[in-house]
Amino acid sequence: MRARLQAIQANIVTLKVDAIVNAANTTLLGGGGVDGAIHRAAGPELLAECRTLGGCATGQAKITRAYRLPTKHVIHTVGPVWHGGTRGEPALLASCYRASLGLALAHKLKTIAFPAISCGVYGYPLEQAVIIAVRESAEFVAQHELIEKVIFACFDRDTLDAYLAELDRLAP
């Protein structure tokens, strides 16, 4: 199962996978960070499709086409804003991974790449978020053979190191 989970340092908009995950806001209409980069790279058609979706609740996910991106689909999920962990943030973040992977499975997508959801402007502590991301992804792929590869696309070396350490803990 560890072979099906991988962390790499990469710009998520360059990955050729079946789906990339967008760390979106509740409007799904673009923003900063990963969200803005995905919308810019995909082109205006992505924004037009997102306008038809009626937004997305925190912890949930919705899927669109990817337009000008090298991937087939964008799965938009809304991570929680960090408030010290007392407002259900861990459960909401876990739900982001389960909902995104569930959409990938429902659409028969075999490869998916995630950014570090909620770790940018939403302020989620990286180490805590990585534990949730790896745990939820590992549990999901253990139950669903269709998902061949989950890639954690890390923007910088510190993020990559955090994911690699957590993946090493998973190894037998």
N, C-alpha and C. Protein backbone atom coordinates (compact mmCIF):
# COMPACT_ATOMS: atom_id res chain seq x y z
N MET A 1 0.82 -1.19 0.00
CA MET A 1 0.00 0.00 0.00
C MET A 1 0.86 1.25 0.00
N ARG A 2 2.00 1.22 0.70
CA ARG A 2 2.91 2.37 0.74
C ARG A 2 3.34 2.76 -0.67
N ALA A 3 3.48 1.79 -1.55
CA ALA A 3 3.88 2.07 -2.92
C ALA A 3 2.83 2.89 -3.67
N ARG A 4 1.62 2.88 -3.18
CA ARG A 4 0.54 3.62 -3.83
C ARG A 4 0.42 5.06 -3.32
N LEU A 5 1.21 5.41 -2.33
CA LEU A 5 1.26 6.77 -1.78
C LEU A 5 2.64 7.34 -2.02
N GLN A 6 2.71 8.54 -2.56
CA GLN A 6 3.99 9.12 -2.93
C GLN A 6 3.98 10.62 -2.63
N ALA A 7 5.09 11.14 -2.14
CA ALA A 7 5.25 12.58 -1.95
C ALA A 7 6.36 13.06 -2.88
N ILE A 8 6.08 14.14 -3.59
CA ILE A 8 7.07 14.74 -4.49
C ILE A 8 7.03 16.25 -4.34
N GLN A 9 8.14 16.90 -4.63
CA GLN A 9 8.14 18.35 -4.68
C GLN A 9 7.80 18.74 -6.11
N ALA A 10 6.64 19.39 -6.28
CA ALA A 10 6.17 19.72 -7.62
C ALA A 10 5.10 20.79 -7.55
N ASN A 11 4.95 21.47 -8.66
CA ASN A 11 3.83 22.39 -8.83
C ASN A 11 2.66 21.54 -9.31
N ILE A 12 1.61 21.48 -8.53
CA ILE A 12 0.49 20.57 -8.81
C ILE A 12 -0.13 20.81 -10.18
N VAL A 13 -0.07 22.03 -10.71
CA VAL A 13 -0.70 22.30 -12.00
C VAL A 13 0.05 21.68 -13.17
N THR A 14 1.25 21.14 -12.92
CA THR A 14 2.03 20.52 -14.00
C THR A 14 1.86 19.01 -14.06
N LEU A 15 1.15 18.42 -13.10
CA LEU A 15 1.09 16.96 -13.00
C LEU A 15 0.09 16.35 -13.98
N LYS A 16 0.53 15.25 -14.62
CA LYS A 16 -0.31 14.52 -15.56
C LYS A 16 -0.89 13.30 -14.83
N VAL A 17 -1.95 13.54 -14.11
CA VAL A 17 -2.67 12.51 -13.36
C VAL A 17 -4.14 12.58 -13.78
N ASP A 18 -4.94 11.66 -13.29
CA ASP A 18 -6.36 11.70 -13.64
C ASP A 18 -7.08 12.89 -13.00
N ALA A 19 -6.64 13.27 -11.80
CA ALA A 19 -7.26 14.42 -11.12
C ALA A 19 -6.25 15.09 -10.20
N ILE A 20 -6.33 16.41 -10.15
CA ILE A 20 -5.63 17.15 -9.11
C ILE A 20 -6.69 17.72 -8.18
N VAL A 21 -6.31 17.89 -6.93
CA VAL A 21 -7.24 18.44 -5.95
C VAL A 21 -6.91 19.91 -5.75
N ASN A 22 -7.94 20.71 -5.76
CA ASN A 22 -7.84 22.14 -5.53
C ASN A 22 -8.21 22.44 -4.09
N ALA A 23 -7.33 23.10 -3.37
CA ALA A 23 -7.64 23.59 -2.02
C ALA A 23 -8.43 24.88 -2.21
N ALA A 24 -9.73 24.72 -2.37
CA ALA A 24 -10.62 25.81 -2.77
C ALA A 24 -11.22 26.54 -1.57
N ASN A 25 -11.88 27.65 -1.87
CA ASN A 25 -12.71 28.30 -0.86
C ASN A 25 -14.17 27.93 -1.13
N THR A 26 -15.06 28.31 -0.26
CA THR A 26 -16.45 27.85 -0.35
C THR A 26 -17.17 28.34 -1.60
N THR A 27 -16.71 29.42 -2.23
CA THR A 27 -17.37 29.91 -3.44
C THR A 27 -16.98 29.11 -4.67
N LEU A 28 -15.82 28.46 -4.64
CA LEU A 28 -15.21 27.75 -5.79
C LEU A 28 -14.86 28.69 -6.93
N LEU A 29 -14.79 29.98 -6.66
CA LEU A 29 -14.58 30.96 -7.72
C LEU A 29 -13.15 31.48 -7.80
N GLY A 30 -12.21 30.73 -7.26
CA GLY A 30 -10.81 31.13 -7.32
C GLY A 30 -10.40 31.91 -6.10
N GLY A 31 -9.11 32.06 -5.94
CA GLY A 31 -8.57 32.77 -4.79
C GLY A 31 -7.07 32.84 -4.92
N GLY A 32 -6.38 32.74 -3.80
CA GLY A 32 -4.93 32.79 -3.80
C GLY A 32 -4.33 31.39 -3.73
N GLY A 33 -3.03 31.32 -3.61
CA GLY A 33 -2.32 30.06 -3.42
C GLY A 33 -2.61 29.04 -4.51
N VAL A 34 -2.80 27.79 -4.08
CA VAL A 34 -3.07 26.68 -5.00
C VAL A 34 -4.33 26.97 -5.83
N ASP A 35 -5.35 27.48 -5.17
CA ASP A 35 -6.62 27.77 -5.84
C ASP A 35 -6.41 28.72 -7.01
N GLY A 36 -5.72 29.81 -6.77
CA GLY A 36 -5.47 30.78 -7.83
C GLY A 36 -4.61 30.21 -8.94
N ALA A 37 -3.60 29.44 -8.57
CA ALA A 37 -2.72 28.83 -9.58
C ALA A 37 -3.49 27.87 -10.48
N ILE A 38 -4.36 27.08 -9.90
CA ILE A 38 -5.16 26.13 -10.69
C ILE A 38 -6.11 26.87 -11.61
N HIS A 39 -6.79 27.89 -11.11
CA HIS A 39 -7.71 28.65 -11.96
C HIS A 39 -6.96 29.36 -13.10
N ARG A 40 -5.80 29.93 -12.81
CA ARG A 40 -5.02 30.61 -13.87
C ARG A 40 -4.58 29.60 -14.93
N ALA A 41 -4.08 28.45 -14.50
CA ALA A 41 -3.57 27.46 -15.45
C ALA A 41 -4.69 26.80 -16.26
N ALA A 42 -5.84 26.62 -15.66
CA ALA A 42 -6.95 25.95 -16.34
C ALA A 42 -7.64 26.86 -17.35
N GLY A 43 -7.60 28.16 -17.11
CA GLY A 43 -8.25 29.10 -18.00
C GLY A 43 -9.65 29.45 -17.54
N PRO A 44 -10.28 30.41 -18.22
CA PRO A 44 -11.58 30.93 -17.78
C PRO A 44 -12.72 29.92 -17.83
N GLU A 45 -12.56 28.85 -18.58
CA GLU A 45 -13.61 27.83 -18.65
C GLU A 45 -13.84 27.17 -17.29
N LEU A 46 -12.77 27.02 -16.51
CA LEU A 46 -12.92 26.42 -15.18
C LEU A 46 -13.78 27.30 -14.30
N LEU A 47 -13.53 28.58 -14.29
CA LEU A 47 -14.35 29.50 -13.50
C LEU A 47 -15.81 29.44 -13.95
N ALA A 48 -16.03 29.39 -15.25
CA ALA A 48 -17.40 29.32 -15.77
C ALA A 48 -18.10 28.05 -15.27
N GLU A 49 -17.42 26.91 -15.30
CA GLU A 49 -18.03 25.69 -14.79
C GLU A 49 -18.26 25.77 -13.28
N CYS A 50 -17.29 26.31 -12.56
CA CYS A 50 -17.43 26.43 -11.10
C CYS A 50 -18.63 27.30 -10.72
N ARG A 51 -18.93 28.29 -11.52
CA ARG A 51 -20.08 29.16 -11.25
C ARG A 51 -21.40 28.38 -11.25
N THR A 52 -21.43 27.25 -11.94
CA THR A 52 -22.67 26.46 -12.03
C THR A 52 -22.84 25.51 -10.84
N LEU A 53 -21.84 25.41 -9.97
CA LEU A 53 -21.85 24.39 -8.91
C LEU A 53 -22.47 24.84 -7.59
N GLY A 54 -22.70 26.12 -7.42
CA GLY A 54 -23.33 26.60 -6.19
C GLY A 54 -22.44 26.54 -4.96
N GLY A 55 -21.13 26.61 -5.16
CA GLY A 55 -20.21 26.59 -4.03
C GLY A 55 -20.02 25.20 -3.47
N CYS A 56 -19.33 25.13 -2.33
CA CYS A 56 -19.01 23.85 -1.70
C CYS A 56 -18.80 24.08 -0.22
N ALA A 57 -19.36 23.23 0.60
CA ALA A 57 -19.22 23.33 2.05
C ALA A 57 -17.84 22.84 2.50
N THR A 58 -17.38 23.35 3.61
CA THR A 58 -16.12 22.89 4.19
C THR A 58 -16.20 21.39 4.48
N GLY A 59 -15.15 20.68 4.07
CA GLY A 59 -15.09 19.23 4.27
C GLY A 59 -15.70 18.43 3.13
N GLN A 60 -16.31 19.10 2.17
CA GLN A 60 -16.93 18.43 1.03
C GLN A 60 -16.08 18.64 -0.22
N ALA A 61 -16.50 18.05 -1.34
CA ALA A 61 -15.74 18.18 -2.59
C ALA A 61 -16.68 18.13 -3.79
N LYS A 62 -16.26 18.77 -4.86
CA LYS A 62 -16.98 18.75 -6.14
C LYS A 62 -15.96 18.59 -7.25
N ILE A 63 -16.39 18.05 -8.39
CA ILE A 63 -15.47 17.75 -9.49
C ILE A 63 -15.86 18.54 -10.73
N THR A 64 -14.82 18.97 -11.48
CA THR A 64 -15.02 19.66 -12.75
C THR A 64 -14.04 19.08 -13.77
N ARG A 65 -14.20 19.52 -15.00
CA ARG A 65 -13.19 19.25 -16.02
C ARG A 65 -11.96 20.08 -15.70
N ALA A 66 -10.85 19.79 -16.36
CA ALA A 66 -9.59 20.49 -16.07
C ALA A 66 -9.19 21.51 -17.14
N TYR A 67 -9.86 21.49 -18.27
CA TYR A 67 -9.64 22.45 -19.35
C TYR A 67 -8.18 22.49 -19.80
N ARG A 68 -7.44 23.54 -19.54
CA ARG A 68 -6.08 23.69 -20.09
C ARG A 68 -5.00 23.02 -19.24
N LEU A 69 -5.38 22.38 -18.16
CA LEU A 69 -4.42 21.67 -17.32
C LEU A 69 -4.06 20.32 -17.94
N PRO A 70 -2.90 19.75 -17.64
CA PRO A 70 -2.54 18.44 -18.19
C PRO A 70 -3.27 17.26 -17.53
N THR A 71 -4.09 17.53 -16.55
CA THR A 71 -4.88 16.51 -15.88
C THR A 71 -6.26 16.45 -16.52
N LYS A 72 -7.05 15.44 -16.18
CA LYS A 72 -8.39 15.29 -16.76
C LYS A 72 -9.45 16.04 -15.96
N HIS A 73 -9.29 16.04 -14.63
CA HIS A 73 -10.30 16.62 -13.75
C HIS A 73 -9.66 17.42 -12.63
N VAL A 74 -10.44 18.36 -12.10
CA VAL A 74 -10.07 19.06 -10.88
C VAL A 74 -11.13 18.71 -9.84
N ILE A 75 -10.68 18.22 -8.71
CA ILE A 75 -11.57 17.97 -7.58
C ILE A 75 -11.35 19.12 -6.60
N HIS A 76 -12.39 19.88 -6.36
CA HIS A 76 -12.32 21.05 -5.49
C HIS A 76 -12.79 20.65 -4.11
N THR A 77 -11.97 20.89 -3.10
CA THR A 77 -12.38 20.60 -1.73
C THR A 77 -12.07 21.81 -0.87
N VAL A 78 -12.89 22.02 0.13
CA VAL A 78 -12.74 23.19 1.00
C VAL A 78 -12.27 22.73 2.37
N GLY A 79 -11.02 23.04 2.65
CA GLY A 79 -10.45 22.68 3.95
C GLY A 79 -10.87 23.68 5.02
N PRO A 80 -10.71 23.27 6.26
CA PRO A 80 -11.08 24.16 7.36
C PRO A 80 -10.01 25.22 7.63
N VAL A 81 -10.47 26.37 8.10
CA VAL A 81 -9.57 27.39 8.62
C VAL A 81 -9.18 26.94 10.03
N TRP A 82 -7.90 27.04 10.36
CA TRP A 82 -7.41 26.61 11.68
C TRP A 82 -7.79 27.64 12.75
N HIS A 83 -8.47 27.17 13.79
CA HIS A 83 -8.84 28.00 14.94
C HIS A 83 -8.32 27.36 16.22
N GLY A 84 -7.20 26.67 16.14
CA GLY A 84 -6.63 26.03 17.31
C GLY A 84 -7.07 24.58 17.50
N GLY A 85 -7.85 24.07 16.59
CA GLY A 85 -8.27 22.67 16.65
C GLY A 85 -9.52 22.41 17.47
N THR A 86 -10.16 23.47 17.91
CA THR A 86 -11.32 23.32 18.80
C THR A 86 -12.66 23.43 18.08
N ARG A 87 -12.63 23.63 16.77
CA ARG A 87 -13.88 23.80 16.00
C ARG A 87 -14.07 22.68 14.97
N GLY A 88 -13.60 21.50 15.31
CA GLY A 88 -13.80 20.36 14.43
C GLY A 88 -12.88 20.31 13.24
N GLU A 89 -11.80 21.06 13.28
CA GLU A 89 -10.90 21.13 12.13
C GLU A 89 -10.35 19.76 11.72
N PRO A 90 -9.88 18.90 12.65
CA PRO A 90 -9.36 17.60 12.21
C PRO A 90 -10.39 16.76 11.46
N ALA A 91 -11.62 16.72 11.94
CA ALA A 91 -12.66 15.94 11.28
C ALA A 91 -13.00 16.53 9.91
N LEU A 92 -13.02 17.84 9.81
CA LEU A 92 -13.31 18.48 8.53
C LEU A 92 -12.19 18.24 7.52
N LEU A 93 -10.94 18.31 7.98
CA LEU A 93 -9.83 18.05 7.07
C LEU A 93 -9.84 16.59 6.60
N ALA A 94 -10.08 15.67 7.51
CA ALA A 94 -10.18 14.26 7.14
C ALA A 94 -11.28 14.06 6.10
N SER A 95 -12.39 14.75 6.28
CA SER A 95 -13.51 14.66 5.35
C SER A 95 -13.12 15.15 3.95
N CYS A 96 -12.26 16.15 3.87
CA CYS A 96 -11.78 16.64 2.57
C CYS A 96 -11.12 15.52 1.78
N TYR A 97 -10.27 14.76 2.45
CA TYR A 97 -9.56 13.66 1.77
C TYR A 97 -10.52 12.54 1.39
N ARG A 98 -11.41 12.16 2.30
CA ARG A 98 -12.37 11.09 1.99
C ARG A 98 -13.31 11.50 0.86
N ALA A 99 -13.80 12.73 0.89
CA ALA A 99 -14.73 13.20 -0.14
C ALA A 99 -14.04 13.28 -1.50
N SER A 100 -12.81 13.77 -1.52
CA SER A 100 -12.06 13.88 -2.77
C SER A 100 -11.76 12.50 -3.36
N LEU A 101 -11.30 11.60 -2.52
CA LEU A 101 -11.01 10.24 -2.98
C LEU A 101 -12.30 9.51 -3.39
N GLY A 102 -13.38 9.79 -2.71
CA GLY A 102 -14.67 9.22 -3.07
C GLY A 102 -15.11 9.67 -4.45
N LEU A 103 -14.91 10.94 -4.77
CA LEU A 103 -15.24 11.43 -6.12
C LEU A 103 -14.34 10.79 -7.17
N ALA A 104 -13.06 10.65 -6.85
CA ALA A 104 -12.15 9.98 -7.79
C ALA A 104 -12.63 8.56 -8.06
N LEU A 105 -13.01 7.85 -7.02
CA LEU A 105 -13.50 6.48 -7.17
C LEU A 105 -14.79 6.45 -7.99
N ALA A 106 -15.72 7.34 -7.69
CA ALA A 106 -17.00 7.39 -8.40
C ALA A 106 -16.82 7.66 -9.89
N HIS A 107 -15.77 8.39 -10.24
CA HIS A 107 -15.50 8.74 -11.65
C HIS A 107 -14.44 7.83 -12.27
N LYS A 108 -14.09 6.75 -11.54
CA LYS A 108 -13.14 5.75 -12.03
C LYS A 108 -11.77 6.35 -12.37
N LEU A 109 -11.32 7.27 -11.53
CA LEU A 109 -10.02 7.90 -11.70
C LEU A 109 -9.00 7.13 -10.88
N LYS A 110 -7.88 6.81 -11.49
CA LYS A 110 -6.89 5.94 -10.85
C LYS A 110 -5.76 6.69 -10.16
N THR A 111 -5.46 7.90 -10.61
CA THR A 111 -4.36 8.67 -10.04
C THR A 111 -4.85 10.05 -9.63
N ILE A 112 -4.42 10.48 -8.45
CA ILE A 112 -4.89 11.75 -7.90
C ILE A 112 -3.74 12.43 -7.16
N ALA A 113 -3.67 13.74 -7.28
CA ALA A 113 -2.63 14.51 -6.58
C ALA A 113 -3.29 15.53 -5.67
N PHE A 114 -2.79 15.59 -4.44
CA PHE A 114 -3.28 16.53 -3.43
C PHE A 114 -2.22 17.57 -3.10
N PRO A 115 -2.64 18.81 -2.87
CA PRO A 115 -1.76 19.77 -2.22
C PRO A 115 -1.89 19.57 -0.70
N ALA A 116 -1.17 20.35 0.07
CA ALA A 116 -1.31 20.30 1.53
C ALA A 116 -2.53 21.17 1.91
N ILE A 117 -3.68 20.55 1.90
CA ILE A 117 -4.95 21.26 2.11
C ILE A 117 -4.95 21.97 3.46
N SER A 118 -5.36 23.22 3.44
CA SER A 118 -5.53 24.09 4.61
C SER A 118 -4.22 24.59 5.22
N CYS A 119 -3.07 24.22 4.65
CA CYS A 119 -1.78 24.58 5.27
C CYS A 119 -1.25 25.94 4.82
N GLY A 120 -1.90 26.57 3.89
CA GLY A 120 -1.46 27.90 3.44
C GLY A 120 -2.12 28.98 4.30
N VAL A 121 -2.89 29.83 3.64
CA VAL A 121 -3.51 30.95 4.36
C VAL A 121 -4.53 30.50 5.40
N TYR A 122 -5.01 29.25 5.32
CA TYR A 122 -5.96 28.76 6.32
C TYR A 122 -5.27 28.37 7.63
N GLY A 123 -3.95 28.33 7.63
CA GLY A 123 -3.18 28.23 8.86
C GLY A 123 -3.12 26.91 9.58
N TYR A 124 -3.54 25.82 8.93
CA TYR A 124 -3.50 24.51 9.60
C TYR A 124 -2.04 24.12 9.83
N PRO A 125 -1.67 23.69 11.03
CA PRO A 125 -0.29 23.28 11.28
C PRO A 125 0.12 22.11 10.38
N LEU A 126 1.22 22.28 9.67
CA LEU A 126 1.64 21.32 8.66
C LEU A 126 1.73 19.89 9.19
N GLU A 127 2.42 19.69 10.29
CA GLU A 127 2.63 18.33 10.79
C GLU A 127 1.31 17.64 11.12
N GLN A 128 0.38 18.37 11.70
CA GLN A 128 -0.92 17.78 12.03
C GLN A 128 -1.72 17.48 10.77
N ALA A 129 -1.66 18.37 9.79
CA ALA A 129 -2.38 18.16 8.53
C ALA A 129 -1.83 16.96 7.76
N VAL A 130 -0.52 16.79 7.77
CA VAL A 130 0.13 15.70 7.05
C VAL A 130 -0.29 14.35 7.64
N ILE A 131 -0.36 14.26 8.95
CA ILE A 131 -0.79 13.01 9.60
C ILE A 131 -2.19 12.63 9.11
N ILE A 132 -3.09 13.60 9.06
CA ILE A 132 -4.46 13.35 8.61
C ILE A 132 -4.48 12.96 7.14
N ALA A 133 -3.74 13.69 6.32
CA ALA A 133 -3.72 13.43 4.87
C ALA A 133 -3.24 12.01 4.57
N VAL A 134 -2.13 11.63 5.20
CA VAL A 134 -1.56 10.31 4.94
C VAL A 134 -2.47 9.21 5.50
N ARG A 135 -2.98 9.39 6.71
CA ARG A 135 -3.85 8.38 7.31
C ARG A 135 -5.10 8.15 6.47
N GLU A 136 -5.78 9.23 6.11
CA GLU A 136 -7.03 9.09 5.34
C GLU A 136 -6.77 8.49 3.97
N SER A 137 -5.71 8.90 3.32
CA SER A 137 -5.38 8.36 1.99
C SER A 137 -5.01 6.89 2.08
N ALA A 138 -4.20 6.53 3.07
CA ALA A 138 -3.78 5.13 3.24
C ALA A 138 -4.99 4.24 3.51
N GLU A 139 -5.88 4.68 4.39
CA GLU A 139 -7.07 3.89 4.70
C GLU A 139 -7.95 3.72 3.46
N PHE A 140 -8.07 4.79 2.67
CA PHE A 140 -8.93 4.72 1.48
C PHE A 140 -8.36 3.78 0.44
N VAL A 141 -7.07 3.92 0.13
CA VAL A 141 -6.51 3.06 -0.92
C VAL A 141 -6.45 1.60 -0.47
N ALA A 142 -6.35 1.36 0.83
CA ALA A 142 -6.36 -0.02 1.33
C ALA A 142 -7.71 -0.69 1.05
N GLN A 143 -8.76 0.10 0.97
CA GLN A 143 -10.11 -0.44 0.75
C GLN A 143 -10.55 -0.39 -0.71
N HIS A 144 -9.83 0.36 -1.55
CA HIS A 144 -10.26 0.57 -2.93
C HIS A 144 -9.09 0.40 -3.89
N GLU A 145 -9.03 -0.76 -4.53
CA GLU A 145 -7.94 -1.08 -5.44
C GLU A 145 -7.89 -0.19 -6.69
N LEU A 146 -9.03 0.40 -7.07
CA LEU A 146 -9.06 1.23 -8.27
C LEU A 146 -8.08 2.40 -8.17
N ILE A 147 -7.94 2.96 -6.99
CA ILE A 147 -7.02 4.09 -6.80
C ILE A 147 -5.59 3.53 -6.78
N GLU A 148 -4.88 3.77 -7.87
CA GLU A 148 -3.54 3.20 -8.02
C GLU A 148 -2.46 4.06 -7.39
N LYS A 149 -2.65 5.40 -7.41
CA LYS A 149 -1.60 6.27 -6.91
C LYS A 149 -2.20 7.55 -6.33
N VAL A 150 -1.79 7.86 -5.11
CA VAL A 150 -2.09 9.14 -4.48
C VAL A 150 -0.76 9.86 -4.34
N ILE A 151 -0.69 11.03 -4.95
CA ILE A 151 0.53 11.83 -4.91
C ILE A 151 0.27 13.04 -4.03
N PHE A 152 1.17 13.29 -3.10
CA PHE A 152 1.13 14.51 -2.31
C PHE A 152 2.10 15.47 -2.97
N ALA A 153 1.57 16.47 -3.66
CA ALA A 153 2.38 17.44 -4.39
C ALA A 153 2.78 18.55 -3.42
N CYS A 154 4.04 18.58 -3.10
CA CYS A 154 4.56 19.50 -2.08
C CYS A 154 5.22 20.70 -2.75
N PHE A 155 4.80 21.87 -2.35
CA PHE A 155 5.29 23.10 -2.97
C PHE A 155 6.73 23.40 -2.57
N ASP A 156 7.13 23.02 -1.36
CA ASP A 156 8.49 23.33 -0.90
C ASP A 156 9.11 22.14 -0.16
N ARG A 157 10.38 22.27 0.16
CA ARG A 157 11.12 21.17 0.77
C ARG A 157 10.61 20.83 2.17
N ASP A 158 10.23 21.83 2.96
CA ASP A 158 9.73 21.55 4.31
C ASP A 158 8.46 20.70 4.26
N THR A 159 7.59 21.01 3.32
CA THR A 159 6.35 20.23 3.17
C THR A 159 6.69 18.81 2.72
N LEU A 160 7.58 18.70 1.75
CA LEU A 160 8.00 17.38 1.28
C LEU A 160 8.59 16.56 2.42
N ASP A 161 9.46 17.16 3.20
CA ASP A 161 10.07 16.43 4.32
C ASP A 161 9.03 15.94 5.32
N ALA A 162 8.01 16.75 5.58
CA ALA A 162 6.95 16.35 6.51
C ALA A 162 6.19 15.14 5.96
N TYR A 163 5.86 15.16 4.68
CA TYR A 163 5.15 14.03 4.07
C TYR A 163 6.03 12.78 4.02
N LEU A 164 7.29 12.94 3.65
CA LEU A 164 8.18 11.78 3.59
C LEU A 164 8.35 11.13 4.96
N ALA A 165 8.45 11.94 6.00
CA ALA A 165 8.57 11.39 7.36
C ALA A 165 7.32 10.62 7.75
N GLU A 166 6.16 11.15 7.42
CA GLU A 166 4.92 10.46 7.77
C GLU A 166 4.75 9.21 6.92
N LEU A 167 5.10 9.25 5.67
CA LEU A 167 5.03 8.05 4.82
C LEU A 167 6.01 6.97 5.31
N ASP A 168 7.16 7.38 5.79
CA ASP A 168 8.14 6.42 6.34
C ASP A 168 7.56 5.72 7.58
N ARG A 169 6.78 6.44 8.38
CA ARG A 169 6.15 5.84 9.55
C ARG A 169 5.13 4.77 9.15
N LEU A 170 4.59 4.93 7.96
CA LEU A 170 3.59 4.01 7.43
C LEU A 170 4.23 2.71 6.92
N ALA A 171 5.48 2.82 6.48
CA ALA A 171 6.15 1.67 5.85
C ALA A 171 6.32 0.53 6.85
N PRO A 172 6.25 -0.72 6.37
CA PRO A 172 6.38 -1.87 7.26
C PRO A 172 7.78 -1.98 7.84
